[in-house]
Protein backbone atom coordinates (compact mmCIF):
# COMPACT_ATOMS: atom_id res chain seq x y z
CA MET A 1 -5.38 21.14 -29.10
CA ASN A 2 -5.42 19.59 -25.72
CA THR A 3 -5.65 15.88 -25.30
CA PRO A 4 -6.96 13.96 -22.30
CA GLU A 5 -3.23 13.50 -21.21
CA SER A 6 -3.07 17.53 -21.00
CA SER A 7 -6.11 18.61 -18.92
CA PHE A 8 -6.56 22.05 -17.40
CA SER A 9 -5.91 20.58 -13.72
CA ASP A 10 -2.81 18.66 -15.01
CA ARG A 11 -1.26 21.50 -16.71
CA PHE A 12 -1.53 23.96 -13.81
CA GLY A 13 -1.38 21.46 -11.08
CA TYR A 14 -4.58 21.92 -9.45
CA ARG A 15 -5.80 19.16 -7.09
CA ALA A 16 -8.43 18.69 -4.48
CA PRO A 17 -7.27 18.62 -0.77
CA GLU A 18 -6.10 15.06 0.25
CA SER A 19 -8.52 13.92 2.92
CA GLU A 20 -7.65 11.97 6.11
CA ILE A 21 -7.62 8.23 5.61
CA THR A 22 -10.93 6.94 6.81
CA VAL A 23 -11.57 3.96 4.39
CA ARG A 24 -9.89 0.96 4.26
CA GLU A 25 -12.02 -2.37 4.09
CA ASP A 26 -14.80 -0.62 1.80
CA ALA A 27 -15.22 0.70 -1.63
CA PRO A 28 -17.76 3.58 -1.38
CA PRO A 29 -19.99 4.62 -4.37
CA PRO A 30 -17.66 7.43 -5.50
CA ILE A 31 -14.80 4.94 -5.71
CA ARG A 32 -16.72 2.38 -7.53
CA ASP A 33 -17.85 5.09 -9.91
CA GLY A 34 -14.40 6.49 -10.41
CA ILE A 35 -12.82 3.25 -11.30
CA MET A 36 -15.48 2.42 -13.69
CA MET A 37 -15.18 5.87 -15.39
CA ALA A 38 -11.44 5.69 -15.36
CA GLY A 39 -11.65 2.44 -17.44
CA TYR A 40 -13.91 3.88 -19.93
CA GLY A 41 -11.56 6.90 -19.97
CA ALA A 42 -8.78 4.53 -21.06
CA ASP A 43 -10.94 3.62 -24.12
CA LEU A 44 -12.21 0.27 -22.79
CA GLY A 45 -15.62 -0.22 -24.35
CA PRO A 46 -18.68 -1.44 -22.44
CA ASN A 47 -18.27 -5.00 -23.65
CA ARG A 48 -14.63 -5.40 -22.71
CA MET A 49 -15.34 -3.65 -19.23
CA ARG A 50 -18.26 -6.17 -18.60
CA ASP A 51 -15.96 -9.05 -19.80
CA ILE A 52 -13.21 -8.09 -17.23
CA LEU A 53 -15.76 -7.43 -14.38
CA CYS A 54 -17.46 -10.71 -15.17
CA GLN A 55 -14.22 -12.59 -14.87
CA VAL A 56 -13.30 -10.90 -11.59
CA LEU A 57 -16.76 -11.93 -10.09
CA LEU A 58 -16.93 -15.11 -11.78
CA ARG A 59 -20.38 -14.12 -13.19
CA ARG A 60 -21.75 -14.82 -16.62
CA PRO A 61 -22.76 -11.76 -18.85
CA ASP A 62 -26.36 -11.34 -19.29
CA PRO A 63 -26.89 -12.55 -22.93
CA SER A 64 -30.02 -10.41 -23.18
CA ASN A 65 -27.73 -7.34 -23.11
CA TRP A 66 -26.10 -6.59 -26.30
CA SER A 67 -26.41 -2.77 -26.93
CA ASP A 68 -23.88 -0.58 -25.43
CA SER A 69 -26.15 1.35 -23.23
CA ASN A 70 -27.65 -2.08 -21.96
CA VAL A 71 -24.24 -3.44 -21.30
CA GLU A 72 -23.06 -0.19 -19.50
CA ARG A 73 -26.00 -0.21 -17.30
CA GLU A 74 -25.20 -4.00 -16.49
CA VAL A 75 -21.60 -2.99 -15.52
CA ALA A 76 -22.84 -0.19 -13.35
CA ILE A 77 -25.07 -2.99 -11.67
CA LEU A 78 -22.42 -5.50 -11.29
CA ILE A 79 -19.91 -3.08 -9.81
CA ASP A 80 -22.44 -1.56 -7.31
CA GLU A 81 -23.16 -5.17 -6.06
CA ALA A 82 -19.63 -6.57 -6.06
CA PRO A 83 -17.92 -7.15 -2.57
CA TRP A 84 -15.46 -4.26 -1.82
CA TYR A 85 -12.27 -6.10 -2.36
CA ARG A 86 -13.59 -7.40 -5.65
CA VAL A 87 -13.81 -3.79 -6.87
CA TYR A 88 -10.09 -3.32 -6.31
CA ASP A 89 -9.29 -6.51 -7.91
CA PHE A 90 -11.31 -5.11 -10.86
CA ALA A 91 -9.18 -1.77 -10.88
CA GLU A 92 -5.91 -4.15 -11.15
CA HIS A 93 -7.34 -6.08 -13.87
CA LEU A 94 -8.24 -2.92 -15.65
CA TYR A 95 -4.67 -1.72 -15.38
CA GLY A 96 -3.33 -4.86 -16.91
CA GLU A 97 -5.80 -4.65 -19.83
CA ILE A 98 -4.98 -1.15 -20.53
CA GLY A 99 -1.17 -2.27 -20.92
CA THR A 100 -2.31 -4.52 -23.89
CA ARG A 101 -3.49 -1.32 -25.82
CA LYS A 102 -1.29 0.86 -27.89
CA TYR A 103 -2.84 4.16 -27.41
CA THR A 104 -3.97 4.14 -23.94
CA SER A 105 -2.02 4.97 -20.80
CA GLN A 106 -1.42 2.84 -17.59
CA ALA A 107 0.27 5.65 -15.96
CA ARG A 108 -2.68 8.00 -16.35
CA PHE A 109 -5.08 5.39 -15.22
CA GLU A 110 -2.97 4.84 -12.10
CA MET A 111 -2.68 8.52 -11.50
CA GLN A 112 -6.21 9.20 -11.61
CA LEU A 113 -7.12 6.21 -9.23
CA ASN A 114 -4.51 7.68 -6.70
CA GLN A 115 -5.78 10.93 -6.83
CA LEU A 116 -9.29 9.62 -6.41
CA PHE A 117 -8.21 7.39 -3.38
CA ARG A 118 -6.65 10.69 -1.73
CA GLU A 119 -9.42 12.78 -2.38
CA HIS A 120 -11.91 10.32 -0.57
CA GLY A 121 -9.62 9.45 2.14
CA VAL A 122 -9.09 5.72 0.99
CA GLY A 123 -6.21 3.97 2.50
CA TRP A 124 -5.06 2.16 -0.82
CA GLU A 125 -2.78 3.32 -3.57
CA MET A 126 -1.92 1.75 -6.79
CA LYS A 127 1.81 1.20 -7.53
CA GLN A 128 2.68 -0.33 -11.14
CA GLY A 129 -0.77 -2.10 -11.24
CA CYS A 130 -0.87 -3.48 -7.68
CA LEU A 131 -2.87 -1.94 -5.04
CA VAL A 132 -1.12 -1.51 -1.67
CA ALA A 133 -1.70 -0.07 1.61
CA ARG A 134 -1.45 3.81 1.79
CA GLY A 135 -0.43 5.00 5.16
CA SER A 136 -0.06 8.42 6.63
CA GLU A 137 2.71 10.74 5.04
CA ALA A 138 5.19 9.69 7.56
CA PHE A 139 4.45 5.93 6.77
CA ALA A 140 4.92 6.71 2.93
CA LEU A 141 8.28 8.80 3.67
CA ALA A 142 9.69 5.98 6.22
CA THR A 143 8.85 2.82 4.12
CA GLY A 144 9.22 4.45 0.49
CA HIS A 145 13.03 4.01 0.33
CA ALA A 146 14.03 1.94 3.32
CA THR A 147 14.42 -1.38 1.52
CA GLN A 148 16.58 0.36 -1.05
CA VAL A 149 18.71 2.10 1.66
CA MET A 150 19.13 -1.48 3.42
CA GLN A 151 19.99 -3.16 0.27
CA GLN A 152 22.70 -0.33 -0.36
CA HIS A 153 24.15 -0.62 3.28
CA GLY A 154 24.43 -4.38 3.27
CA ALA A 155 21.40 -5.42 5.08
CA PRO A 156 19.60 -7.38 2.51
CA THR A 157 17.96 -9.72 5.17
CA ALA A 158 16.30 -6.49 6.78
CA ALA A 159 15.18 -5.33 3.20
CA THR A 160 13.42 -8.54 2.76
CA GLU A 161 11.72 -8.25 6.05
CA ILE A 162 10.40 -4.74 5.45
CA HIS A 163 9.04 -5.89 2.14
CA GLU A 164 7.22 -8.72 3.71
CA ALA A 165 5.70 -6.26 6.34
CA LEU A 166 4.61 -3.94 3.59
CA LYS A 167 3.02 -7.15 1.94
CA ASP A 168 1.20 -8.11 5.08
CA ILE A 169 -0.04 -4.53 5.98
CA SER A 170 -1.30 -4.32 2.34
CA ARG A 171 -3.14 -7.70 2.31
CA ARG A 172 -6.86 -7.96 1.25
CA PRO A 173 -9.26 -8.31 2.36
CA ILE A 174 -7.95 -8.10 5.84
CA ALA A 175 -4.62 -6.64 6.51
CA ASP A 176 -2.10 -9.00 8.57
CA VAL A 177 -1.27 -6.48 11.20
CA THR A 178 0.35 -9.08 13.60
CA GLY A 179 2.62 -10.26 10.65
CA ALA A 180 3.47 -6.74 9.78
CA ILE A 181 4.50 -5.98 13.34
CA GLN A 182 6.64 -9.21 13.36
CA HIS A 183 8.34 -8.61 10.10
CA ALA A 184 9.10 -4.85 10.84
CA MET A 185 10.70 -5.76 14.20
CA ALA A 186 12.66 -8.57 12.58
CA ALA A 187 13.94 -5.98 10.05
CA LEU A 188 15.11 -3.70 12.98
CA GLU A 189 16.63 -6.58 14.88
CA CYS A 190 18.58 -7.68 11.69
CA VAL A 191 19.89 -3.98 11.44
CA MET A 192 20.77 -3.77 15.01
CA ARG A 193 22.74 -7.23 14.75
CA GLU A 194 24.47 -5.72 11.58
CA VAL A 195 25.45 -2.51 13.15
CA SER A 196 26.55 -3.80 16.65
CA GLY A 197 28.15 -6.99 15.38
CA THR A 198 26.51 -9.40 17.49
CA ASN A 199 23.75 -12.01 17.34
CA GLU A 200 21.94 -10.62 20.31
CA THR A 201 18.19 -9.91 20.39
CA LEU A 202 17.07 -6.48 19.63
CA GLY A 203 16.29 -6.04 23.30
CA GLN A 204 20.15 -6.83 24.16
CA ALA A 205 21.67 -5.24 21.09
CA VAL A 206 20.02 -1.76 21.54
CA LYS A 207 22.28 -1.50 24.78
CA ARG A 208 25.27 -1.71 22.49
CA LEU A 209 24.40 1.02 20.19
CA ASN A 210 24.83 3.97 22.51
CA LEU A 211 21.59 5.44 21.19
CA PRO A 212 21.06 9.05 22.66
CA PRO A 213 18.36 8.97 25.48
CA PRO A 214 15.60 8.81 25.35
CA LEU A 215 15.64 7.10 22.03
CA ASP A 216 17.29 4.22 23.47
CA GLN A 217 14.26 3.89 25.86
CA ALA A 218 11.75 4.36 23.11
CA VAL A 219 13.35 1.48 21.16
CA THR A 220 13.34 -0.85 24.15
CA LYS A 221 9.49 0.10 24.73
CA LEU A 222 8.84 -0.44 21.08
CA TRP A 223 10.29 -3.83 21.36
CA GLY A 224 8.25 -4.71 24.25
CA PHE A 225 5.00 -3.56 22.61
CA SER A 226 5.86 -5.58 19.51
CA SER A 227 6.69 -8.54 21.56
CA GLU A 228 3.22 -8.38 23.27
CA GLN A 229 1.26 -7.54 20.11
CA GLY A 230 3.10 -9.50 17.54
CA ARG A 231 4.23 -12.60 19.22
CA HIS A 232 2.39 -13.20 22.53
CA ILE A 233 -1.05 -11.80 21.34
CA LEU A 234 -3.86 -12.49 23.83
CA GLU A 235 -7.43 -13.56 22.56
CA GLY A 236 -9.40 -10.47 21.65
CA GLY A 237 -6.50 -8.08 22.00
CA ALA A 238 -5.26 -8.10 18.22
CA PRO A 239 -3.37 -4.78 17.39
CA ARG A 240 -5.34 -2.22 15.11
CA PHE A 241 -4.12 -1.15 11.68
CA GLU A 242 -2.85 2.21 12.95
CA GLU A 243 -0.75 0.31 15.55
CA ALA A 244 0.90 -1.83 12.84
CA GLU A 245 1.51 1.17 10.59
CA LEU A 246 3.22 2.96 13.62
CA VAL A 247 5.48 0.14 14.14
CA VAL A 248 6.50 -0.51 10.61
CA THR A 249 6.93 3.37 10.21
CA THR A 250 9.30 3.46 13.29
CA ALA A 251 11.14 0.36 12.54
CA SER A 252 11.84 1.40 8.91
CA ALA A 253 12.98 4.97 9.98
CA LEU A 254 15.21 3.65 12.89
CA SER A 255 16.70 1.15 10.67
CA VAL A 256 17.79 3.73 8.09
CA TYR A 257 19.07 6.05 10.67
CA LEU A 258 21.16 3.29 12.18
CA LEU A 259 22.64 2.15 8.88
CA ARG A 260 23.48 5.67 7.70
CA GLN A 261 24.88 6.57 11.28
CA ARG A 262 27.08 3.66 11.05
CA ASP A 263 28.51 4.53 7.56
CA ALA A 264 28.94 7.97 8.54
CA LEU A 265 31.12 7.06 11.51
CA ASN A 266 33.15 4.74 9.33
CA GLU A 267 34.09 7.21 6.83
């Protein structure tokens, strides 16, 4: 007999096409509904769902609602009216509550939410109960193992900077795109100093690395753009999320490339 852990689509790997990311600072109705239903699917009853949601919203539960049907209706109204970022706070609290129950699965709840986000083009994903920014496929590939590679190749400070960049770009309700750019380029600068054996700035160190053209020029231009947008930002000229994503992606990929190249040459 099939259990909820073994649905038809799970067994045969059927998934809806992944949509382009168009939603970041919003929680459209299908997302609100999906989070609510995933909570019910994890055996959280209406009263516990209401308690958690009211804690997140700092609201008092309606004492006149006591039957399951009325409490479910109250939960639906509360989640429909909640600010978008509180909806994602609610999802994180649900994950934590599911972890306290013996026969429910945090992993399945997380998988359902991430699939929901991909289907509806939401730029967030849940990782071990914490919602972080979900970028393009290139962003995911470049940043997914960058900190681990940096640690393994003797660049712990760079790993810390990339970690901070990812925290900034994942900040709610508004991503700190300037901070993400600053930390990403600081990580790349740390790696370049480590590889070149100097204490020079990235703009100077890149000349010592013998990067093949036009990659050397690309790094120099990236440094110039990041200095302008991340350090000397003009009023009204804040970088967009997509630009910060590009810088973090490129800095991560370049850092991994440089560290691996250095170690390959030293073998």
